[in-house]
Amino acid sequence: MEKYFGEATPKLGFGLMRLPKKGMGKIDIEQTKKMVDLFMGAGLNYFDTAYVYDGGDSERAAKAALVDRYPRESFTLATKLCAWMGANSEKTAKQQFYTSLERTGAGYFDYYLLHALQAGNYMKYDEYHIWDFVKEQKEKGLIKHWGFSFHADPRYSG
């Protein structure tokens, strides 16, 4: 299957934020595998997760249901760094990237986003030098494309 970037990216992505659960609130990996298979079988290949989704279990589910079962070149994977949640220093914020690589087993990320920027937290990405950090990871080939997600009301964008 061909990888897609930019305008050629399919308009439908598979979000890994709210996966099916079973017993003790754990992600149902077998059901998630079936969902991934149906998605890939339909010719779609864009998957989206984040360091903070389900306490990291979303990234682990991506590994079990996708990364361990499909050739790396057959899908695109996006994840996100959340410098204002679960990070109390520059070191712990940057560690999220390495933890995400380990959890997913993906080897690299096609898309890496700085997550949920808004008026009350965008300064953490500056304070922790995350903008330069992701550029460095891109230069190393660990990130193909990077950007940010914005979750605030437009009134607070400037």
Protein backbone atom coordinates (compact mmCIF):
# COMPACT_ATOMS: atom_id res chain seq x y z
CA MET A 1 0.00 0.00 0.00
CA GLU A 2 1.22 3.47 -0.86
CA LYS A 3 1.86 6.00 1.90
CA TYR A 4 0.06 9.33 1.70
CA PHE A 5 1.23 12.79 2.67
CA GLY A 6 -0.17 16.26 2.27
CA GLU A 7 -3.09 16.64 -0.10
CA ALA A 8 -2.98 12.94 -1.02
CA THR A 9 -3.63 11.87 2.59
CA PRO A 10 -7.00 10.10 2.84
CA LYS A 11 -9.67 12.27 4.41
CA LEU A 12 -10.50 9.61 6.97
CA GLY A 13 -8.11 8.74 9.78
CA PHE A 14 -8.34 6.15 12.55
CA GLY A 15 -8.30 7.89 15.93
CA LEU A 16 -6.96 5.78 18.77
CA MET A 17 -8.27 7.97 21.58
CA ARG A 18 -11.50 6.13 22.42
CA LEU A 19 -10.88 2.47 21.74
CA PRO A 20 -13.24 -0.30 22.86
CA LYS A 21 -12.72 -1.46 26.44
CA LYS A 22 -13.28 -4.66 28.32
CA GLY A 23 -12.75 -5.80 31.91
CA MET A 24 -11.11 -3.32 34.29
CA GLY A 25 -11.31 -0.58 31.64
CA LYS A 26 -8.46 -2.06 29.59
CA ILE A 27 -8.42 -1.59 25.82
CA ASP A 28 -9.83 -4.59 24.00
CA ILE A 29 -6.84 -5.38 21.78
CA GLU A 30 -8.57 -8.17 19.83
CA GLN A 31 -11.46 -5.88 18.90
CA THR A 32 -8.99 -3.10 18.06
CA LYS A 33 -7.11 -5.50 15.76
CA LYS A 34 -10.35 -6.26 13.91
CA MET A 35 -11.05 -2.54 13.54
CA VAL A 36 -7.52 -1.88 12.26
CA ASP A 37 -7.86 -4.76 9.78
CA LEU A 38 -11.14 -3.38 8.45
CA PHE A 39 -9.65 0.12 8.15
CA MET A 40 -6.53 -1.10 6.35
CA GLY A 41 -8.66 -3.43 4.21
CA ALA A 42 -10.68 -0.43 3.03
CA GLY A 43 -7.46 1.11 1.68
CA LEU A 44 -7.04 3.61 4.50
CA ASN A 45 -3.81 3.97 6.44
CA TYR A 46 -3.67 7.06 8.68
CA PHE A 47 -3.62 6.37 12.46
CA ASP A 48 -3.58 8.99 15.22
CA THR A 49 -2.71 8.61 18.89
CA ALA A 50 -1.01 10.64 21.64
CA TYR A 51 1.27 10.16 24.61
CA VAL A 52 -1.55 11.05 27.01
CA TYR A 53 -4.37 8.96 25.49
CA ASP A 54 -5.55 6.26 27.91
CA GLY A 55 -2.49 6.75 30.10
CA GLY A 56 -0.26 5.48 27.28
CA ASP A 57 -2.35 2.43 26.50
CA SER A 58 -3.47 3.96 23.21
CA GLU A 59 0.13 3.95 21.95
CA ARG A 60 0.59 0.40 23.24
CA ALA A 61 -2.59 -0.62 21.40
CA ALA A 62 -1.22 0.97 18.21
CA LYS A 63 1.82 -1.28 18.56
CA ALA A 64 -0.19 -4.45 19.18
CA ALA A 65 -2.94 -3.88 16.62
CA LEU A 66 -0.98 -2.08 13.89
CA VAL A 67 2.80 -1.81 14.15
CA ASP A 68 3.44 -5.44 15.09
CA ARG A 69 1.08 -6.72 12.38
CA TYR A 70 1.66 -4.55 9.29
CA PRO A 71 4.78 -3.51 7.38
CA ARG A 72 5.90 -0.07 8.57
CA GLU A 73 5.70 1.41 5.08
CA SER A 74 2.02 0.41 4.75
CA PHE A 75 0.64 2.98 7.23
CA THR A 76 1.18 6.48 8.55
CA LEU A 77 1.27 7.09 12.28
CA ALA A 78 0.78 10.33 14.16
CA THR A 79 1.28 10.91 17.87
CA LYS A 80 1.56 13.95 20.08
CA LEU A 81 3.66 15.46 22.86
CA CYS A 82 1.77 17.22 25.64
CA ALA A 83 4.26 19.52 27.39
CA TRP A 84 1.72 20.88 29.85
CA MET A 85 0.25 17.57 31.02
CA GLY A 86 2.44 14.95 32.64
CA ALA A 87 5.59 16.99 32.17
CA ASN A 88 7.06 19.07 34.96
CA SER A 89 10.39 19.85 33.31
CA GLU A 90 12.09 20.09 29.93
CA LYS A 91 13.56 16.63 30.46
CA THR A 92 10.21 14.97 31.19
CA ALA A 93 8.54 16.76 28.27
CA LYS A 94 11.21 15.55 25.84
CA GLN A 95 11.08 12.07 27.34
CA GLN A 96 7.51 11.80 26.09
CA PHE A 97 8.88 11.53 22.54
CA TYR A 98 11.20 8.64 23.40
CA THR A 99 8.52 6.92 25.45
CA SER A 100 6.12 7.19 22.50
CA LEU A 101 8.73 5.62 20.21
CA GLU A 102 9.13 2.76 22.67
CA ARG A 103 5.42 2.25 23.29
CA THR A 104 4.53 2.18 19.59
CA GLY A 105 7.63 0.38 18.34
CA ALA A 106 7.16 2.39 15.15
CA GLY A 107 10.80 3.40 14.69
CA TYR A 108 9.74 6.89 13.57
CA PHE A 109 6.62 9.00 13.36
CA ASP A 110 5.14 10.17 10.10
CA TYR A 111 3.47 13.06 11.93
CA TYR A 112 4.40 14.41 15.34
CA LEU A 113 2.28 17.13 16.88
CA LEU A 114 2.76 19.44 19.84
CA HIS A 115 -0.56 18.82 21.48
CA ALA A 116 -3.45 21.07 22.45
CA LEU A 117 -1.77 24.47 22.37
CA GLN A 118 -3.94 27.15 23.94
CA ALA A 119 -3.64 30.39 25.86
CA GLY A 120 -2.90 28.73 29.20
CA ASN A 121 -0.14 26.35 28.08
CA TYR A 122 1.58 27.31 24.82
CA MET A 123 4.46 28.88 26.74
CA LYS A 124 5.53 25.45 28.05
CA TYR A 125 6.57 24.48 24.52
CA ASP A 126 8.83 27.55 24.44
CA GLU A 127 10.09 27.13 28.01
CA TYR A 128 11.04 23.49 27.38
CA HIS A 129 12.59 24.22 23.95
CA ILE A 130 10.26 21.70 22.33
CA TRP A 131 10.13 23.48 18.96
CA ASP A 132 13.87 23.01 18.46
CA PHE A 133 13.68 19.50 19.87
CA VAL A 134 11.21 18.30 17.24
CA LYS A 135 13.28 19.92 14.49
CA GLU A 136 16.29 17.93 15.74
CA GLN A 137 14.27 14.69 15.72
CA LYS A 138 13.19 15.44 12.16
CA GLU A 139 16.82 15.94 11.14
CA LYS A 140 17.59 12.52 12.68
CA GLY A 141 14.78 10.93 10.64
CA LEU A 142 12.69 10.08 13.70
CA ILE A 143 9.93 12.50 12.63
CA LYS A 144 8.88 12.93 8.99
CA HIS A 145 6.49 15.88 9.51
CA TRP A 146 5.73 17.94 12.60
CA GLY A 147 3.24 20.56 13.64
CA PHE A 148 0.81 21.35 16.43
CA SER A 149 -2.81 20.92 17.40
CA PHE A 150 -4.76 23.90 18.67
CA HIS A 151 -7.66 23.33 21.08
CA ALA A 152 -8.66 26.82 22.19
CA ASP A 153 -11.48 29.09 21.19
CA PRO A 154 -10.42 31.30 18.24
CA ARG A 155 -10.85 34.36 20.47
CA TYR A 156 -7.75 33.22 22.36
CA SER A 157 -5.52 32.48 19.38
CA GLY A 158 -3.52 35.65 19.57
